[in-house]
Amino acid sequence: MSHISKKPQGCSPSIMKRSIGIIVGLVLVVGCYDQPPPEKVFIPGPDVSTTVAISVSTKKAAVDEPVILYASRTTSGFVEIPYNDVPSGVQWWRQMPPAFEKEVAGNLRWFVKPEGKAKFNTNLRKDFTREVRFTEPGTYEIYGISTGYGPEAVSSKTVTIEVVN
């Protein structure tokens, strides 16, 4: 009687990981393309309105001192229509865009006048605020622009920051 060695057969761990990764990737790709359009969607109506309000942690800062930027966004005027009635070129959403977003500073494009003296994102923040530091003393005007949910970009009011040595 001979003894036959029974070794476990199967894939190596690296082949198994790659195989699982490929299968998961294919499932995700197929899942994304397999979604039918919704029956109804939301589009900007004739009275769509977006407002952006900004504030800063301080209006007087030292050179290279971080100033935290805050912003909220209010949006209204969306209408629900059948998907098949969406005009060509009009962006639509599956769900009603939020009426109020408490913190969107990380979602705005920020501008400073005069230019070239501000450094943004010197510290990544988890609370969706932004950080700016100024490299020279002076008086700076800062504002944010939202491309949010409406058909046009919306600018906030300007905030003035005094930077000293």
C-alpha atoms as a PDB file:
ATOM      1  CA  MET A   1       0.000   0.000   0.000  1.00  0.00           C
ATOM      2  CA  SER A   2       1.469   3.290  -1.011  1.00  0.00           C
ATOM      3  CA  HIS A   3       0.902   6.529   0.780  1.00  0.00           C
ATOM      4  CA  ILE A   4      -0.187   9.407  -1.395  1.00  0.00           C
ATOM      5  CA  SER A   5       0.596  12.742   0.039  1.00  0.00           C
ATOM      6  CA  LYS A   6      -2.437  14.986   0.037  1.00  0.00           C
ATOM      7  CA  LYS A   7      -1.202  18.546  -0.222  1.00  0.00           C
ATOM      8  CA  PRO A   8      -3.779  21.255  -0.140  1.00  0.00           C
ATOM      9  CA  GLN A   9      -4.313  22.570  -3.614  1.00  0.00           C
ATOM     10  CA  GLY A  10      -5.329  26.085  -4.526  1.00  0.00           C
ATOM     11  CA  CYS A  11      -4.036  29.486  -5.384  1.00  0.00           C
ATOM     12  CA  SER A  12      -1.242  31.357  -3.765  1.00  0.00           C
ATOM     13  CA  PRO A  13      -2.336  34.336  -1.630  1.00  0.00           C
ATOM     14  CA  SER A  14      -1.101  36.847  -4.225  1.00  0.00           C
ATOM     15  CA  ILE A  15      -3.054  35.179  -7.048  1.00  0.00           C
ATOM     16  CA  MET A  16      -6.126  35.018  -4.815  1.00  0.00           C
ATOM     17  CA  LYS A  17      -5.875  38.749  -3.992  1.00  0.00           C
ATOM     18  CA  ARG A  18      -5.512  39.679  -7.669  1.00  0.00           C
ATOM     19  CA  SER A  19      -8.446  37.468  -8.632  1.00  0.00           C
ATOM     20  CA  ILE A  20     -10.681  38.990  -5.984  1.00  0.00           C
ATOM     21  CA  GLY A  21      -9.623  42.489  -7.079  1.00  0.00           C
ATOM     22  CA  ILE A  22     -10.481  41.746 -10.708  1.00  0.00           C
ATOM     23  CA  ILE A  23     -13.862  40.247  -9.786  1.00  0.00           C
ATOM     24  CA  VAL A  24     -14.771  43.212  -7.546  1.00  0.00           C
ATOM     25  CA  GLY A  25     -13.689  45.655 -10.268  1.00  0.00           C
ATOM     26  CA  LEU A  26     -15.839  43.924 -12.888  1.00  0.00           C
ATOM     27  CA  VAL A  27     -18.859  43.874 -10.578  1.00  0.00           C
ATOM     28  CA  LEU A  28     -18.476  47.613  -9.941  1.00  0.00           C
ATOM     29  CA  VAL A  29     -18.113  48.450 -13.639  1.00  0.00           C
ATOM     30  CA  VAL A  30     -21.117  46.348 -14.628  1.00  0.00           C
ATOM     31  CA  GLY A  31     -23.124  47.801 -11.722  1.00  0.00           C
ATOM     32  CA  CYS A  32     -22.413  51.375 -12.815  1.00  0.00           C
ATOM     33  CA  TYR A  33     -23.536  50.786 -16.386  1.00  0.00           C
ATOM     34  CA  ASP A  34     -26.573  48.749 -15.444  1.00  0.00           C
ATOM     35  CA  GLN A  35     -28.493  51.533 -13.697  1.00  0.00           C
ATOM     36  CA  PRO A  36     -31.539  52.730 -15.586  1.00  0.00           C
ATOM     37  CA  PRO A  37     -32.202  56.473 -15.515  1.00  0.00           C
ATOM     38  CA  PRO A  38     -34.581  57.576 -12.777  1.00  0.00           C
ATOM     39  CA  GLU A  39     -38.200  58.341 -13.614  1.00  0.00           C
ATOM     40  CA  LYS A  40     -37.979  61.843 -12.161  1.00  0.00           C
ATOM     41  CA  VAL A  41     -35.035  64.190 -11.616  1.00  0.00           C
ATOM     42  CA  PHE A  42     -34.350  67.695 -10.306  1.00  0.00           C
ATOM     43  CA  ILE A  43     -33.180  70.561 -12.508  1.00  0.00           C
ATOM     44  CA  PRO A  44     -32.622  74.285 -11.871  1.00  0.00           C
ATOM     45  CA  GLY A  45     -35.968  76.051 -12.241  1.00  0.00           C
ATOM     46  CA  PRO A  46     -36.548  79.603 -13.451  1.00  0.00           C
ATOM     47  CA  ASP A  47     -36.141  80.913  -9.888  1.00  0.00           C
ATOM     48  CA  VAL A  48     -33.009  78.937  -8.952  1.00  0.00           C
ATOM     49  CA  SER A  49     -30.915  80.789  -6.391  1.00  0.00           C
ATOM     50  CA  THR A  50     -27.617  80.032  -4.684  1.00  0.00           C
ATOM     51  CA  THR A  51     -26.074  82.156  -1.956  1.00  0.00           C
ATOM     52  CA  VAL A  52     -22.607  81.698  -0.457  1.00  0.00           C
ATOM     53  CA  ALA A  53     -21.695  83.256   2.901  1.00  0.00           C
ATOM     54  CA  ILE A  54     -18.090  83.250   4.121  1.00  0.00           C
ATOM     55  CA  SER A  55     -16.364  84.089   7.374  1.00  0.00           C
ATOM     56  CA  VAL A  56     -12.828  83.874   8.739  1.00  0.00           C
ATOM     57  CA  SER A  57     -11.326  82.836  12.059  1.00  0.00           C
ATOM     58  CA  THR A  58      -9.729  86.256  12.459  1.00  0.00           C
ATOM     59  CA  LYS A  59      -9.694  89.538  10.572  1.00  0.00           C
ATOM     60  CA  LYS A  60      -6.269  90.450  11.947  1.00  0.00           C
ATOM     61  CA  ALA A  61      -3.432  87.937  11.632  1.00  0.00           C
ATOM     62  CA  ALA A  62       0.352  87.814  11.738  1.00  0.00           C
ATOM     63  CA  VAL A  63       2.446  86.899   8.716  1.00  0.00           C
ATOM     64  CA  ASP A  64       2.325  83.089   8.218  1.00  0.00           C
ATOM     65  CA  GLU A  65      -0.398  82.687  10.869  1.00  0.00           C
ATOM     66  CA  PRO A  66      -3.140  80.327   9.698  1.00  0.00           C
ATOM     67  CA  VAL A  67      -6.515  81.914   9.011  1.00  0.00           C
ATOM     68  CA  ILE A  68      -9.354  79.414   8.829  1.00  0.00           C
ATOM     69  CA  LEU A  69     -11.923  80.010   6.088  1.00  0.00           C
ATOM     70  CA  TYR A  70     -15.569  79.034   6.608  1.00  0.00           C
ATOM     71  CA  ALA A  71     -18.413  79.031   4.094  1.00  0.00           C
ATOM     72  CA  SER A  72     -22.047  77.976   3.937  1.00  0.00           C
ATOM     73  CA  ARG A  73     -24.256  77.607   0.879  1.00  0.00           C
ATOM     74  CA  THR A  74     -28.020  78.060   0.522  1.00  0.00           C
ATOM     75  CA  THR A  75     -29.746  76.760  -2.609  1.00  0.00           C
ATOM     76  CA  SER A  76     -33.371  76.923  -3.749  1.00  0.00           C
ATOM     77  CA  GLY A  77     -35.521  76.906  -6.858  1.00  0.00           C
ATOM     78  CA  PHE A  78     -35.093  73.354  -8.161  1.00  0.00           C
ATOM     79  CA  VAL A  79     -38.000  71.641  -9.843  1.00  0.00           C
ATOM     80  CA  GLU A  80     -38.792  67.973 -10.250  1.00  0.00           C
ATOM     81  CA  ILE A  81     -39.543  66.803 -13.788  1.00  0.00           C
ATOM     82  CA  PRO A  82     -39.657  63.494 -15.655  1.00  0.00           C
ATOM     83  CA  TYR A  83     -36.206  62.400 -16.792  1.00  0.00           C
ATOM     84  CA  ASN A  84     -37.399  62.243 -20.404  1.00  0.00           C
ATOM     85  CA  ASP A  85     -38.306  65.966 -20.258  1.00  0.00           C
ATOM     86  CA  VAL A  86     -34.834  67.218 -19.268  1.00  0.00           C
ATOM     87  CA  PRO A  87     -33.756  69.753 -21.908  1.00  0.00           C
ATOM     88  CA  SER A  88     -30.555  68.958 -23.754  1.00  0.00           C
ATOM     89  CA  GLY A  89     -27.477  70.310 -21.968  1.00  0.00           C
ATOM     90  CA  VAL A  90     -29.226  70.885 -18.627  1.00  0.00           C
ATOM     91  CA  GLN A  91     -27.594  69.241 -15.617  1.00  0.00           C
ATOM     92  CA  TRP A  92     -29.897  67.119 -13.473  1.00  0.00           C
ATOM     93  CA  TRP A  93     -29.754  65.469 -10.044  1.00  0.00           C
ATOM     94  CA  ARG A  94     -31.357  62.265  -8.772  1.00  0.00           C
ATOM     95  CA  GLN A  95     -32.131  63.942  -5.442  1.00  0.00           C
ATOM     96  CA  MET A  96     -33.085  67.479  -4.513  1.00  0.00           C
ATOM     97  CA  PRO A  97     -29.879  69.454  -3.864  1.00  0.00           C
ATOM     98  CA  PRO A  98     -29.570  70.406  -0.193  1.00  0.00           C
ATOM     99  CA  ALA A  99     -31.308  73.641   0.782  1.00  0.00           C
ATOM    100  CA  PHE A 100     -28.529  74.486   3.249  1.00  0.00           C
ATOM    101  CA  GLU A 101     -24.957  73.241   3.546  1.00  0.00           C
ATOM    102  CA  LYS A 102     -23.291  74.271   6.790  1.00  0.00           C
ATOM    103  CA  GLU A 103     -19.633  73.965   5.711  1.00  0.00           C
ATOM    104  CA  VAL A 104     -18.520  74.145   2.070  1.00  0.00           C
ATOM    105  CA  ALA A 105     -15.256  76.126   2.285  1.00  0.00           C
ATOM    106  CA  GLY A 106     -13.370  73.145   0.888  1.00  0.00           C
ATOM    107  CA  ASN A 107     -15.719  73.165  -2.105  1.00  0.00           C
ATOM    108  CA  LEU A 108     -15.150  76.794  -3.104  1.00  0.00           C
ATOM    109  CA  ARG A 109     -12.549  78.379  -5.324  1.00  0.00           C
ATOM    110  CA  TRP A 110     -10.892  81.123  -3.290  1.00  0.00           C
ATOM    111  CA  PHE A 111      -9.421  84.418  -4.500  1.00  0.00           C
ATOM    112  CA  VAL A 112      -7.236  86.963  -2.695  1.00  0.00           C
ATOM    113  CA  LYS A 113      -6.428  90.526  -3.711  1.00  0.00           C
ATOM    114  CA  PRO A 114      -3.654  91.467  -4.061  1.00  0.00           C
ATOM    115  CA  GLU A 115      -2.619  88.179  -5.650  1.00  0.00           C
ATOM    116  CA  GLY A 116       0.536  86.174  -4.974  1.00  0.00           C
ATOM    117  CA  LYS A 117       0.816  86.712  -1.224  1.00  0.00           C
ATOM    118  CA  ALA A 118      -1.470  83.937   0.055  1.00  0.00           C
ATOM    119  CA  LYS A 119      -0.800  80.208   0.459  1.00  0.00           C
ATOM    120  CA  PHE A 120      -3.819  77.922   0.634  1.00  0.00           C
ATOM    121  CA  ASN A 121      -4.142  74.400   2.044  1.00  0.00           C
ATOM    122  CA  THR A 122      -1.008  74.535   4.148  1.00  0.00           C
ATOM    123  CA  ASN A 123      -2.754  72.125   6.519  1.00  0.00           C
ATOM    124  CA  LEU A 124      -5.359  69.631   5.280  1.00  0.00           C
ATOM    125  CA  ARG A 125      -8.472  69.899   7.420  1.00  0.00           C
ATOM    126  CA  LYS A 126     -11.044  67.159   8.031  1.00  0.00           C
ATOM    127  CA  ASP A 127     -13.883  69.577   8.832  1.00  0.00           C
ATOM    128  CA  PHE A 128     -14.203  70.842   5.209  1.00  0.00           C
ATOM    129  CA  THR A 129     -12.874  74.286   6.102  1.00  0.00           C
ATOM    130  CA  ARG A 130      -9.842  75.752   4.338  1.00  0.00           C
ATOM    131  CA  GLU A 131      -6.697  77.387   5.653  1.00  0.00           C
ATOM    132  CA  VAL A 132      -4.799  80.328   4.209  1.00  0.00           C
ATOM    133  CA  ARG A 133      -1.560  81.971   5.302  1.00  0.00           C
ATOM    134  CA  PHE A 134      -0.233  85.317   4.116  1.00  0.00           C
ATOM    135  CA  THR A 135       3.459  85.773   3.297  1.00  0.00           C
ATOM    136  CA  GLU A 136       3.668  89.557   3.744  1.00  0.00           C
ATOM    137  CA  PRO A 137       2.007  92.221   5.884  1.00  0.00           C
ATOM    138  CA  GLY A 138      -0.812  94.159   4.244  1.00  0.00           C
ATOM    139  CA  THR A 139      -4.543  94.442   3.766  1.00  0.00           C
ATOM    140  CA  TYR A 140      -6.090  91.582   1.806  1.00  0.00           C
ATOM    141  CA  GLU A 141      -9.533  91.028   0.359  1.00  0.00           C
ATOM    142  CA  ILE A 142     -10.689  87.422   0.131  1.00  0.00           C
ATOM    143  CA  TYR A 143     -13.792  85.876  -1.417  1.00  0.00           C
ATOM    144  CA  GLY A 144     -15.003  82.482  -2.600  1.00  0.00           C
ATOM    145  CA  ILE A 145     -16.784  81.304  -5.732  1.00  0.00           C
ATOM    146  CA  SER A 146     -19.156  78.347  -5.733  1.00  0.00           C
ATOM    147  CA  THR A 147     -19.990  76.336  -8.805  1.00  0.00           C
ATOM    148  CA  GLY A 148     -22.468  74.428  -6.613  1.00  0.00           C
ATOM    149  CA  TYR A 149     -25.834  73.420  -8.030  1.00  0.00           C
ATOM    150  CA  GLY A 150     -27.003  76.333 -10.121  1.00  0.00           C
ATOM    151  CA  PRO A 151     -26.234  76.978 -13.769  1.00  0.00           C
ATOM    152  CA  GLU A 152     -23.839  79.838 -12.955  1.00  0.00           C
ATOM    153  CA  ALA A 153     -20.988  80.384 -10.507  1.00  0.00           C
ATOM    154  CA  VAL A 154     -21.876  82.442  -7.435  1.00  0.00           C
ATOM    155  CA  SER A 155     -19.471  84.734  -5.585  1.00  0.00           C
ATOM    156  CA  SER A 156     -19.522  85.441  -1.870  1.00  0.00           C
ATOM    157  CA  LYS A 157     -19.143  88.905  -0.388  1.00  0.00           C
ATOM    158  CA  THR A 158     -15.569  90.021   0.240  1.00  0.00           C
ATOM    159  CA  VAL A 159     -13.946  89.839   3.672  1.00  0.00           C
ATOM    160  CA  THR A 160     -10.976  92.060   4.532  1.00  0.00           C
ATOM    161  CA  ILE A 161      -8.046  90.637   6.518  1.00  0.00           C
ATOM    162  CA  GLU A 162      -5.281  92.792   7.999  1.00  0.00           C
ATOM    163  CA  VAL A 163      -1.913  91.017   8.180  1.00  0.00           C
ATOM    164  CA  VAL A 164       0.830  92.408  10.422  1.00  0.00           C
ATOM    165  CA  ASN A 165       4.429  91.436  11.245  1.00  0.00           C
END
